[in-house]
């Protein structure tokens, strides 16, 4: 117990010391980034979270860890076959939009 208290006290002291050092006058702030560097970047959708919202559940295929099914609270079900790099909707033709849970049937894999 004493060792834990000593380590915590040392951590607290170092945190305060580094914070005080960072507040010293004369230390220059880093140069600002030129926003023109980002002019050629275009905003793009890279997954269901941008379009859909809250992730309600996730199921990973036990036979292939790169295959995931994602249930979105307000956006259906999405599937990835490359561990989340890209997603495809798999529930778009259903009458239900809100999904709260997802489960995989082991015998169907």
Protein backbone atom coordinates (compact mmCIF):
# COMPACT_ATOMS: atom_id res chain seq x y z
CA UNK A 1 0.00 0.00 0.00
CA UNK A 2 2.86 2.37 0.85
CA UNK A 3 4.49 1.76 -2.55
CA UNK A 4 1.24 2.69 -4.33
CA UNK A 5 0.90 5.88 -2.28
CA UNK A 6 4.53 6.79 -2.98
CA UNK A 7 4.09 6.23 -6.73
CA UNK A 8 0.89 8.27 -6.75
CA UNK A 9 2.60 11.11 -4.88
CA UNK A 10 5.53 11.06 -7.33
CA UNK A 11 3.13 11.07 -10.30
CA UNK A 12 1.18 13.98 -8.82
CA UNK A 13 4.35 15.96 -8.16
CA UNK A 14 5.69 15.39 -11.68
CA UNK A 15 2.33 16.34 -13.21
CA UNK A 16 2.29 19.63 -11.33
CA UNK A 17 5.95 20.31 -12.13
CA UNK A 18 5.48 19.75 -15.87
CA UNK A 19 2.29 21.82 -15.89
CA UNK A 20 4.08 24.71 -14.18
CA UNK A 21 6.98 24.44 -16.66
CA UNK A 22 4.57 24.53 -19.61
CA UNK A 23 3.05 27.76 -18.28
CA UNK A 24 6.36 29.65 -18.18
CA UNK A 25 6.54 32.81 -20.21
CA UNK A 26 8.93 32.87 -23.11
CA UNK A 27 7.99 29.45 -24.44
CA UNK A 28 6.67 29.96 -27.94
CA UNK A 29 3.54 28.24 -29.13
CA UNK A 30 3.94 26.07 -32.22
CA UNK A 31 3.44 27.80 -35.54
CA UNK A 32 -0.08 27.67 -36.90
CA UNK A 33 -0.80 25.27 -39.71
CA UNK A 34 -1.41 26.88 -43.08
CA UNK A 35 -5.01 25.99 -43.93
CA UNK A 36 -4.22 26.05 -47.65
CA UNK A 37 -2.68 22.61 -47.13
CA UNK A 38 -6.21 21.22 -46.80
CA UNK A 39 -7.78 22.97 -49.82
CA UNK A 40 -7.56 19.90 -52.06
CA UNK A 41 -9.07 17.50 -49.51
CA UNK A 42 -12.71 16.63 -50.06
CA UNK A 43 -15.10 15.56 -47.31
CA UNK A 44 -16.26 11.97 -47.88
CA UNK A 45 -18.32 9.28 -46.22
CA UNK A 46 -16.14 6.43 -44.93
CA UNK A 47 -18.65 4.32 -43.05
CA UNK A 48 -22.08 3.97 -41.57
CA UNK A 49 -21.45 6.15 -38.51
CA UNK A 50 -21.48 9.31 -40.64
CA UNK A 51 -24.82 8.51 -42.24
CA UNK A 52 -26.52 6.60 -39.47
CA UNK A 53 -25.67 7.53 -35.92
CA UNK A 54 -25.44 5.41 -32.80
CA UNK A 55 -23.89 1.94 -33.03
CA UNK A 56 -26.25 -0.38 -31.15
CA UNK A 57 -24.48 -3.73 -31.50
CA UNK A 58 -21.64 -5.52 -33.26
CA UNK A 59 -21.29 -9.19 -34.26
CA UNK A 60 -18.02 -10.64 -35.53
CA UNK A 61 -18.03 -13.82 -37.62
CA UNK A 62 -16.24 -16.46 -35.48
CA UNK A 63 -14.90 -18.17 -38.60
CA UNK A 64 -13.51 -14.97 -40.16
CA UNK A 65 -12.49 -12.08 -37.91
CA UNK A 66 -12.56 -9.65 -40.85
CA UNK A 67 -16.33 -10.04 -41.31
CA UNK A 68 -18.43 -7.85 -39.00
CA UNK A 69 -22.11 -7.01 -38.86
CA UNK A 70 -22.96 -3.68 -37.27
CA UNK A 71 -26.44 -2.82 -35.98
CA UNK A 72 -27.06 0.91 -36.03
CA UNK A 73 -29.67 2.41 -33.73
CA UNK A 74 -30.98 4.63 -36.50
CA UNK A 75 -29.57 3.20 -39.70
CA UNK A 76 -30.09 -0.50 -40.31
CA UNK A 77 -27.45 -3.22 -40.53
CA UNK A 78 -24.05 -2.84 -42.20
CA UNK A 79 -21.48 -5.49 -43.15
CA UNK A 80 -17.74 -5.26 -43.62
CA UNK A 81 -15.53 -8.00 -45.03
CA UNK A 82 -12.27 -6.10 -44.49
CA UNK A 83 -12.32 -5.42 -40.73
CA UNK A 84 -14.05 -2.07 -40.96
CA UNK A 85 -12.26 -0.40 -43.87
CA UNK A 86 -15.47 -0.32 -45.95
CA UNK A 87 -19.09 -1.12 -45.15
CA UNK A 88 -22.07 -2.16 -47.26
CA UNK A 89 -25.71 -1.87 -46.14
CA UNK A 90 -27.48 -5.24 -45.87
CA UNK A 91 -30.86 -4.21 -44.47
CA UNK A 92 -31.99 -1.46 -46.84
CA UNK A 93 -34.97 -3.33 -48.32
CA UNK A 94 -36.55 -4.05 -44.94
CA UNK A 95 -39.45 -2.06 -43.49
CA UNK A 96 -37.60 -1.58 -40.18
CA UNK A 97 -35.04 1.19 -39.81
CA UNK A 98 -34.04 1.11 -36.13
CA UNK A 99 -31.92 -1.84 -34.99
CA UNK A 100 -31.12 -2.56 -31.36
CA UNK A 101 -29.31 -5.92 -31.44
CA UNK A 102 -27.65 -8.29 -33.91
CA UNK A 103 -26.75 -11.98 -33.59
CA UNK A 104 -25.21 -14.50 -35.96
CA UNK A 105 -26.62 -18.00 -36.38
CA UNK A 106 -23.56 -20.33 -36.06
CA UNK A 107 -25.08 -23.03 -38.29
CA UNK A 108 -25.55 -20.51 -41.12
CA UNK A 109 -21.90 -19.40 -41.23
